[in-house]
Amino acid sequence: MKITPKRVNTFMLFKLPLGYLSGMRVKELTAQKCVVAIKHRWMNQNPFKSMFWAAQGMAAEMSTGVLVMQAIERSKKKVSMLVTHQDGNFYKKATGKIVFTCNNGDEIKAAIKKSSETKEGQEVILVAEGVNLDGVVVSNFKFQWSLKVKE
C-alpha cells in the first residue's frame, strides 16, 4: 500500500478501529515529518475532563509509526518494525484538538540503511510532541523502534 494520509486513515477504519473511532487522523506526511491530530471527545476522555493518556499515546505512536512505514516503503526492502520501549511526559490537560508531530524521518532512513549494511537490527528513538491549538505542549512521547532488514 502506498503510504499517504488518506490511505492510512482508511486502513485505520478496518485494521485499527479504536484509533479511527477515537477521531485520530493523519493530517500531514512528508519524508521527514508526520502530523497526527486527535480531538478530546466523549470516547477518549478521562474522569478529569481531559483526554485519556492512552489516547494521546495512540496518536503519538501513530505519528512515529506512519513515518517508519513510509521509510520502509521508500527503501523497497522488507523490514520488521517493533516498538521496544516507550516513555511519556504530560505537562498540561489535553483538551480540544491535540496535534502530534514526529520530525525524525532522517533517523529512520539511516537506521534502515545501517541495518541493510550490517544485517543487524537497529534501534531508533522517535519523538512525538503533542501541542494544543494555543501552541502549548501538553505531552511528549519517545518511542524506541527496532528495525531489521530481512533477507
N, C-alpha and C. Protein backbone atom coordinates (compact mmCIF):
# COMPACT_ATOMS: atom_id res chain seq x y z
N MET A 1 0.85 -1.19 0.00
CA MET A 1 0.00 0.00 0.00
C MET A 1 0.88 1.24 0.00
N LYS A 2 0.60 2.18 -0.86
CA LYS A 2 1.32 3.45 -0.86
C LYS A 2 0.89 4.21 0.39
N ILE A 3 1.86 4.68 1.13
CA ILE A 3 1.59 5.35 2.41
C ILE A 3 1.26 6.82 2.16
N THR A 4 -0.01 7.17 2.30
CA THR A 4 -0.50 8.54 2.22
C THR A 4 -1.44 8.76 3.39
N PRO A 5 -1.67 10.01 3.81
CA PRO A 5 -2.61 10.24 4.91
C PRO A 5 -3.98 9.61 4.67
N LYS A 6 -4.52 9.77 3.47
CA LYS A 6 -5.85 9.24 3.18
C LYS A 6 -5.87 7.71 3.29
N ARG A 7 -4.88 7.06 2.73
CA ARG A 7 -4.83 5.59 2.78
C ARG A 7 -4.62 5.08 4.20
N VAL A 8 -3.79 5.76 4.97
CA VAL A 8 -3.57 5.34 6.36
C VAL A 8 -4.87 5.50 7.15
N ASN A 9 -5.58 6.60 6.95
CA ASN A 9 -6.85 6.81 7.66
C ASN A 9 -7.89 5.76 7.28
N THR A 10 -7.94 5.38 6.02
CA THR A 10 -8.86 4.32 5.59
C THR A 10 -8.43 2.97 6.17
N PHE A 11 -7.13 2.69 6.15
CA PHE A 11 -6.58 1.47 6.73
C PHE A 11 -6.98 1.37 8.20
N MET A 12 -6.91 2.50 8.90
CA MET A 12 -7.26 2.53 10.32
C MET A 12 -8.69 2.08 10.56
N LEU A 13 -9.60 2.49 9.69
CA LEU A 13 -11.00 2.13 9.84
C LEU A 13 -11.17 0.62 9.92
N PHE A 14 -10.40 -0.13 9.12
CA PHE A 14 -10.55 -1.58 9.06
C PHE A 14 -9.59 -2.35 9.97
N LYS A 15 -8.39 -1.83 10.19
CA LYS A 15 -7.38 -2.57 10.95
C LYS A 15 -7.09 -2.01 12.34
N LEU A 16 -7.42 -0.75 12.57
CA LEU A 16 -7.24 -0.11 13.88
C LEU A 16 -8.51 0.66 14.24
N PRO A 17 -9.63 -0.07 14.39
CA PRO A 17 -10.91 0.63 14.57
C PRO A 17 -10.96 1.53 15.80
N LEU A 18 -10.28 1.17 16.88
CA LEU A 18 -10.29 2.02 18.06
C LEU A 18 -9.65 3.37 17.75
N GLY A 19 -8.57 3.35 16.99
CA GLY A 19 -7.93 4.60 16.59
C GLY A 19 -8.84 5.45 15.73
N TYR A 20 -9.51 4.80 14.79
CA TYR A 20 -10.41 5.52 13.90
C TYR A 20 -11.58 6.11 14.69
N LEU A 21 -12.20 5.29 15.55
CA LEU A 21 -13.35 5.76 16.32
C LEU A 21 -12.99 6.86 17.32
N SER A 22 -11.74 6.88 17.76
CA SER A 22 -11.30 7.91 18.70
C SER A 22 -11.19 9.28 18.03
N GLY A 23 -11.20 9.29 16.69
CA GLY A 23 -11.07 10.55 15.96
C GLY A 23 -9.65 10.84 15.51
N MET A 24 -8.73 9.94 15.77
CA MET A 24 -7.34 10.12 15.39
C MET A 24 -7.21 10.09 13.86
N ARG A 25 -6.50 11.08 13.29
CA ARG A 25 -6.33 11.14 11.84
C ARG A 25 -4.93 11.65 11.49
N VAL A 26 -4.33 11.03 10.47
CA VAL A 26 -3.07 11.52 9.92
C VAL A 26 -3.41 12.74 9.07
N LYS A 27 -2.77 13.86 9.36
CA LYS A 27 -3.07 15.12 8.66
C LYS A 27 -2.01 15.50 7.64
N GLU A 28 -0.76 15.13 7.90
CA GLU A 28 0.32 15.53 7.00
C GLU A 28 1.41 14.48 7.06
N LEU A 29 2.03 14.22 5.92
CA LEU A 29 3.10 13.23 5.85
C LEU A 29 4.10 13.64 4.79
N THR A 30 5.35 13.80 5.20
CA THR A 30 6.46 14.03 4.28
C THR A 30 7.53 12.99 4.62
N ALA A 31 8.64 13.01 3.90
CA ALA A 31 9.73 12.08 4.19
C ALA A 31 10.32 12.34 5.57
N GLN A 32 10.22 13.55 6.05
CA GLN A 32 10.83 13.93 7.34
C GLN A 32 9.83 13.99 8.48
N LYS A 33 8.56 14.22 8.20
CA LYS A 33 7.61 14.56 9.27
C LYS A 33 6.26 13.89 9.07
N CYS A 34 5.63 13.54 10.22
CA CYS A 34 4.25 13.06 10.21
C CYS A 34 3.48 13.79 11.29
N VAL A 35 2.29 14.26 10.93
CA VAL A 35 1.42 15.00 11.85
C VAL A 35 0.11 14.23 12.01
N VAL A 36 -0.24 13.96 13.26
CA VAL A 36 -1.47 13.24 13.59
C VAL A 36 -2.27 14.09 14.58
N ALA A 37 -3.56 14.24 14.31
CA ALA A 37 -4.44 15.03 15.19
C ALA A 37 -5.46 14.12 15.85
N ILE A 38 -5.82 14.49 17.07
CA ILE A 38 -6.88 13.81 17.81
C ILE A 38 -7.59 14.87 18.64
N LYS A 39 -8.90 14.76 18.71
CA LYS A 39 -9.68 15.76 19.42
C LYS A 39 -10.27 15.14 20.69
N HIS A 40 -10.22 15.91 21.76
CA HIS A 40 -10.83 15.47 23.02
C HIS A 40 -12.33 15.35 22.80
N ARG A 41 -12.87 14.17 23.06
CA ARG A 41 -14.30 13.92 22.93
C ARG A 41 -14.70 12.85 23.94
N TRP A 42 -15.97 12.56 23.97
CA TRP A 42 -16.50 11.61 24.94
C TRP A 42 -15.77 10.27 24.88
N MET A 43 -15.51 9.78 23.68
CA MET A 43 -14.91 8.45 23.51
C MET A 43 -13.51 8.33 24.11
N ASN A 44 -12.74 9.41 24.15
CA ASN A 44 -11.35 9.31 24.61
C ASN A 44 -11.07 10.14 25.87
N GLN A 45 -12.11 10.43 26.62
CA GLN A 45 -11.93 11.27 27.82
C GLN A 45 -11.60 10.43 29.05
N ASN A 46 -11.08 11.11 30.06
CA ASN A 46 -10.88 10.51 31.37
C ASN A 46 -11.85 11.19 32.35
N PRO A 47 -11.90 10.76 33.60
CA PRO A 47 -12.84 11.38 34.55
C PRO A 47 -12.50 12.83 34.93
N PHE A 48 -11.36 13.32 34.50
CA PHE A 48 -10.89 14.66 34.88
C PHE A 48 -11.12 15.71 33.79
N LYS A 49 -12.02 15.40 32.85
CA LYS A 49 -12.42 16.33 31.80
C LYS A 49 -11.28 16.68 30.84
N SER A 50 -10.45 15.69 30.57
CA SER A 50 -9.40 15.86 29.56
C SER A 50 -9.20 14.54 28.83
N MET A 51 -8.31 14.54 27.86
CA MET A 51 -8.07 13.35 27.06
C MET A 51 -7.29 12.31 27.86
N PHE A 52 -7.75 11.08 27.79
CA PHE A 52 -7.09 9.96 28.45
C PHE A 52 -5.66 9.83 27.93
N TRP A 53 -4.73 9.51 28.82
CA TRP A 53 -3.32 9.44 28.42
C TRP A 53 -3.09 8.41 27.31
N ALA A 54 -3.84 7.33 27.32
CA ALA A 54 -3.65 6.29 26.30
C ALA A 54 -4.07 6.77 24.91
N ALA A 55 -5.08 7.62 24.84
CA ALA A 55 -5.48 8.19 23.54
C ALA A 55 -4.37 9.09 23.01
N GLN A 56 -3.75 9.84 23.89
CA GLN A 56 -2.61 10.67 23.47
C GLN A 56 -1.46 9.79 22.99
N GLY A 57 -1.19 8.72 23.72
CA GLY A 57 -0.12 7.80 23.35
C GLY A 57 -0.37 7.14 22.01
N MET A 58 -1.65 6.79 21.76
CA MET A 58 -2.02 6.17 20.50
C MET A 58 -1.73 7.12 19.33
N ALA A 59 -2.10 8.38 19.47
CA ALA A 59 -1.86 9.35 18.40
C ALA A 59 -0.36 9.63 18.25
N ALA A 60 0.35 9.69 19.37
CA ALA A 60 1.79 9.92 19.31
C ALA A 60 2.49 8.76 18.61
N GLU A 61 2.10 7.52 18.96
CA GLU A 61 2.72 6.36 18.32
C GLU A 61 2.40 6.33 16.83
N MET A 62 1.18 6.71 16.47
CA MET A 62 0.81 6.74 15.06
C MET A 62 1.72 7.69 14.29
N SER A 63 2.05 8.85 14.88
CA SER A 63 2.91 9.81 14.16
C SER A 63 4.30 9.23 13.91
N THR A 64 4.79 8.39 14.81
CA THR A 64 6.10 7.77 14.59
C THR A 64 5.98 6.56 13.67
N GLY A 65 4.96 5.74 13.89
CA GLY A 65 4.79 4.51 13.13
C GLY A 65 4.54 4.72 11.65
N VAL A 66 3.74 5.72 11.32
CA VAL A 66 3.47 6.01 9.91
C VAL A 66 4.74 6.48 9.22
N LEU A 67 5.55 7.24 9.93
CA LEU A 67 6.83 7.69 9.37
C LEU A 67 7.75 6.49 9.11
N VAL A 68 7.74 5.52 10.04
CA VAL A 68 8.53 4.29 9.85
C VAL A 68 8.00 3.51 8.64
N MET A 69 6.68 3.34 8.57
CA MET A 69 6.08 2.60 7.46
C MET A 69 6.44 3.23 6.11
N GLN A 70 6.39 4.55 6.06
CA GLN A 70 6.72 5.24 4.82
C GLN A 70 8.20 5.05 4.45
N ALA A 71 9.07 5.13 5.44
CA ALA A 71 10.50 4.95 5.17
C ALA A 71 10.78 3.53 4.68
N ILE A 72 10.09 2.55 5.23
CA ILE A 72 10.24 1.17 4.77
C ILE A 72 9.77 1.05 3.33
N GLU A 73 8.61 1.63 3.04
CA GLU A 73 8.08 1.58 1.67
C GLU A 73 9.08 2.20 0.68
N ARG A 74 9.63 3.33 1.04
CA ARG A 74 10.56 4.03 0.14
C ARG A 74 11.89 3.27 -0.02
N SER A 75 12.27 2.49 1.00
CA SER A 75 13.53 1.74 0.93
C SER A 75 13.43 0.55 -0.02
N LYS A 76 12.18 0.12 -0.30
CA LYS A 76 11.92 -1.04 -1.15
C LYS A 76 12.55 -2.33 -0.59
N LYS A 77 12.68 -2.37 0.73
CA LYS A 77 13.21 -3.55 1.41
C LYS A 77 12.14 -4.09 2.36
N LYS A 78 12.27 -5.35 2.73
CA LYS A 78 11.40 -5.92 3.75
C LYS A 78 12.06 -5.65 5.09
N VAL A 79 11.33 -4.94 5.95
CA VAL A 79 11.88 -4.53 7.23
C VAL A 79 10.88 -4.87 8.33
N SER A 80 11.36 -5.52 9.38
CA SER A 80 10.49 -5.75 10.53
C SER A 80 10.59 -4.53 11.43
N MET A 81 9.45 -4.18 12.03
CA MET A 81 9.40 -3.00 12.91
C MET A 81 8.65 -3.35 14.18
N LEU A 82 9.17 -2.89 15.31
CA LEU A 82 8.55 -3.19 16.60
C LEU A 82 8.90 -2.11 17.61
N VAL A 83 7.91 -1.65 18.35
CA VAL A 83 8.18 -0.73 19.46
C VAL A 83 8.72 -1.57 20.61
N THR A 84 9.90 -1.21 21.10
CA THR A 84 10.52 -1.95 22.19
C THR A 84 10.51 -1.20 23.52
N HIS A 85 10.24 0.09 23.46
CA HIS A 85 10.18 0.89 24.69
C HIS A 85 9.44 2.19 24.40
N GLN A 86 8.80 2.72 25.44
CA GLN A 86 8.05 3.98 25.29
C GLN A 86 8.11 4.76 26.59
N ASP A 87 8.27 6.06 26.48
CA ASP A 87 8.20 6.98 27.61
C ASP A 87 7.27 8.11 27.25
N GLY A 88 6.50 8.57 28.23
CA GLY A 88 5.60 9.70 28.00
C GLY A 88 5.68 10.69 29.15
N ASN A 89 5.56 11.97 28.81
CA ASN A 89 5.53 13.04 29.80
C ASN A 89 4.31 13.91 29.51
N PHE A 90 3.67 14.35 30.59
CA PHE A 90 2.43 15.13 30.47
C PHE A 90 2.61 16.44 31.22
N TYR A 91 2.26 17.55 30.54
CA TYR A 91 2.53 18.87 31.08
C TYR A 91 1.27 19.68 31.37
N LYS A 92 0.25 19.53 30.55
CA LYS A 92 -1.00 20.26 30.69
C LYS A 92 -2.16 19.32 30.39
N LYS A 93 -3.35 19.72 30.84
CA LYS A 93 -4.54 18.96 30.47
C LYS A 93 -4.73 18.99 28.97
N ALA A 94 -5.02 17.84 28.39
CA ALA A 94 -5.23 17.77 26.95
C ALA A 94 -6.72 17.91 26.67
N THR A 95 -7.11 19.09 26.23
CA THR A 95 -8.49 19.36 25.85
C THR A 95 -8.50 19.98 24.45
N GLY A 96 -9.61 19.84 23.77
CA GLY A 96 -9.68 20.37 22.41
C GLY A 96 -8.88 19.48 21.47
N LYS A 97 -8.39 20.06 20.40
CA LYS A 97 -7.63 19.31 19.40
C LYS A 97 -6.16 19.30 19.79
N ILE A 98 -5.56 18.11 19.77
CA ILE A 98 -4.14 17.96 20.07
C ILE A 98 -3.47 17.42 18.80
N VAL A 99 -2.37 18.03 18.43
CA VAL A 99 -1.64 17.66 17.22
C VAL A 99 -0.27 17.11 17.62
N PHE A 100 -0.02 15.86 17.22
CA PHE A 100 1.26 15.21 17.50
C PHE A 100 2.11 15.23 16.24
N THR A 101 3.37 15.66 16.41
CA THR A 101 4.28 15.75 15.28
C THR A 101 5.56 15.00 15.59
N CYS A 102 5.98 14.17 14.64
CA CYS A 102 7.28 13.50 14.70
C CYS A 102 8.10 13.99 13.52
N ASN A 103 9.31 14.45 13.80
CA ASN A 103 10.19 15.02 12.77
C ASN A 103 11.47 14.20 12.58
N ASN A 104 11.40 12.88 12.73
CA ASN A 104 12.61 12.06 12.74
C ASN A 104 12.80 11.20 11.49
N GLY A 105 12.31 11.63 10.35
CA GLY A 105 12.42 10.84 9.14
C GLY A 105 13.84 10.47 8.76
N ASP A 106 14.79 11.38 8.95
CA ASP A 106 16.18 11.10 8.57
C ASP A 106 16.77 9.99 9.43
N GLU A 107 16.44 9.98 10.73
CA GLU A 107 16.95 8.95 11.63
C GLU A 107 16.44 7.56 11.23
N ILE A 108 15.18 7.50 10.80
CA ILE A 108 14.61 6.21 10.37
C ILE A 108 15.32 5.71 9.13
N LYS A 109 15.50 6.59 8.16
CA LYS A 109 16.17 6.23 6.90
C LYS A 109 17.59 5.73 7.20
N ALA A 110 18.30 6.39 8.10
CA ALA A 110 19.67 5.99 8.45
C ALA A 110 19.69 4.63 9.13
N ALA A 111 18.70 4.37 10.00
CA ALA A 111 18.64 3.08 10.70
C ALA A 111 18.37 1.94 9.72
N ILE A 112 17.49 2.16 8.75
CA ILE A 112 17.20 1.13 7.74
C ILE A 112 18.46 0.87 6.89
N LYS A 113 19.13 1.93 6.52
CA LYS A 113 20.36 1.79 5.71
C LYS A 113 21.42 1.00 6.48
N LYS A 114 21.60 1.34 7.76
CA LYS A 114 22.61 0.65 8.57
C LYS A 114 22.24 -0.81 8.77
N SER A 115 20.97 -1.10 9.00
CA SER A 115 20.53 -2.48 9.15
C SER A 115 20.77 -3.28 7.88
N SER A 116 20.54 -2.65 6.75
CA SER A 116 20.78 -3.31 5.47
C SER A 116 22.25 -3.64 5.28
N GLU A 117 23.12 -2.72 5.70
CA GLU A 117 24.56 -2.90 5.54
C GLU A 117 25.12 -3.93 6.52
N THR A 118 24.65 -3.89 7.78
CA THR A 118 25.22 -4.74 8.83
C THR A 118 24.46 -6.05 9.01
N LYS A 119 23.26 -6.14 8.45
CA LYS A 119 22.38 -7.31 8.63
C LYS A 119 21.96 -7.49 10.09
N GLU A 120 22.04 -6.42 10.85
CA GLU A 120 21.65 -6.44 12.26
C GLU A 120 20.50 -5.47 12.49
N GLY A 121 19.70 -5.75 13.51
CA GLY A 121 18.63 -4.84 13.89
C GLY A 121 19.20 -3.54 14.42
N GLN A 122 18.46 -2.47 14.23
CA GLN A 122 18.87 -1.15 14.70
C GLN A 122 17.77 -0.56 15.57
N GLU A 123 18.17 0.15 16.61
CA GLU A 123 17.23 0.85 17.48
C GLU A 123 17.24 2.32 17.10
N VAL A 124 16.07 2.90 17.02
CA VAL A 124 15.95 4.33 16.75
C VAL A 124 14.90 4.90 17.69
N ILE A 125 15.21 6.03 18.31
CA ILE A 125 14.27 6.68 19.21
C ILE A 125 13.61 7.83 18.48
N LEU A 126 12.28 7.76 18.40
CA LEU A 126 11.50 8.78 17.71
C LEU A 126 10.66 9.54 18.71
N VAL A 127 10.62 10.85 18.56
CA VAL A 127 9.92 11.73 19.49
C VAL A 127 8.67 12.30 18.84
N ALA A 128 7.57 12.27 19.58
CA ALA A 128 6.31 12.88 19.12
C ALA A 128 5.87 13.87 20.19
N GLU A 129 5.66 15.10 19.77
CA GLU A 129 5.25 16.16 20.69
C GLU A 129 3.80 16.54 20.43
N GLY A 130 3.00 16.57 21.49
CA GLY A 130 1.59 16.93 21.38
C GLY A 130 1.36 18.37 21.79
N VAL A 131 0.74 19.14 20.89
CA VAL A 131 0.53 20.57 21.11
C VAL A 131 -0.95 20.88 20.93
N ASN A 132 -1.50 21.74 21.81
CA ASN A 132 -2.91 22.13 21.65
C ASN A 132 -3.01 23.30 20.66
N LEU A 133 -4.23 23.74 20.43
CA LEU A 133 -4.44 24.81 19.43
C LEU A 133 -3.84 26.15 19.83
N ASP A 134 -3.52 26.32 21.13
CA ASP A 134 -2.85 27.54 21.58
C ASP A 134 -1.33 27.45 21.44
N GLY A 135 -0.84 26.32 20.92
CA GLY A 135 0.60 26.15 20.76
C GLY A 135 1.31 25.68 22.01
N VAL A 136 0.56 25.25 23.01
CA VAL A 136 1.13 24.79 24.28
C VAL A 136 1.38 23.29 24.20
N VAL A 137 2.59 22.87 24.58
CA VAL A 137 2.91 21.45 24.61
C VAL A 137 2.17 20.81 25.78
N VAL A 138 1.32 19.83 25.48
CA VAL A 138 0.57 19.14 26.54
C VAL A 138 1.23 17.82 26.92
N SER A 139 1.93 17.19 25.97
CA SER A 139 2.62 15.93 26.27
C SER A 139 3.67 15.67 25.20
N ASN A 140 4.63 14.82 25.56
CA ASN A 140 5.55 14.32 24.54
C ASN A 140 5.85 12.86 24.84
N PHE A 141 6.14 12.14 23.81
CA PHE A 141 6.40 10.71 23.92
C PHE A 141 7.67 10.37 23.16
N LYS A 142 8.40 9.38 23.68
CA LYS A 142 9.56 8.83 22.99
C LYS A 142 9.27 7.35 22.76
N PHE A 143 9.39 6.93 21.52
CA PHE A 143 9.19 5.53 21.16
C PHE A 143 10.50 4.97 20.63
N GLN A 144 10.95 3.89 21.22
CA GLN A 144 12.13 3.19 20.71
C GLN A 144 11.65 2.11 19.77
N TRP A 145 12.01 2.25 18.50
CA TRP A 145 11.63 1.30 17.47
C TRP A 145 12.83 0.42 17.14
N SER A 146 12.60 -0.86 16.98
CA SER A 146 13.60 -1.79 16.49
C SER A 146 13.29 -2.05 15.02
N LEU A 147 14.28 -1.84 14.17
CA LEU A 147 14.12 -2.02 12.73
C LEU A 147 15.18 -3.01 12.25
N LYS A 148 14.74 -4.03 11.52
CA LYS A 148 15.70 -5.00 10.99
C LYS A 148 15.30 -5.36 9.56
N VAL A 149 16.26 -5.17 8.65
CA VAL A 149 16.04 -5.54 7.26
C VAL A 149 16.12 -7.05 7.16
N LYS A 150 15.08 -7.63 6.55
CA LYS A 150 15.02 -9.08 6.35
C LYS A 150 15.73 -9.44 5.05
N GLU A 151 16.30 -10.60 5.02
CA GLU A 151 17.00 -11.04 3.80
C GLU A 151 16.05 -11.69 2.84
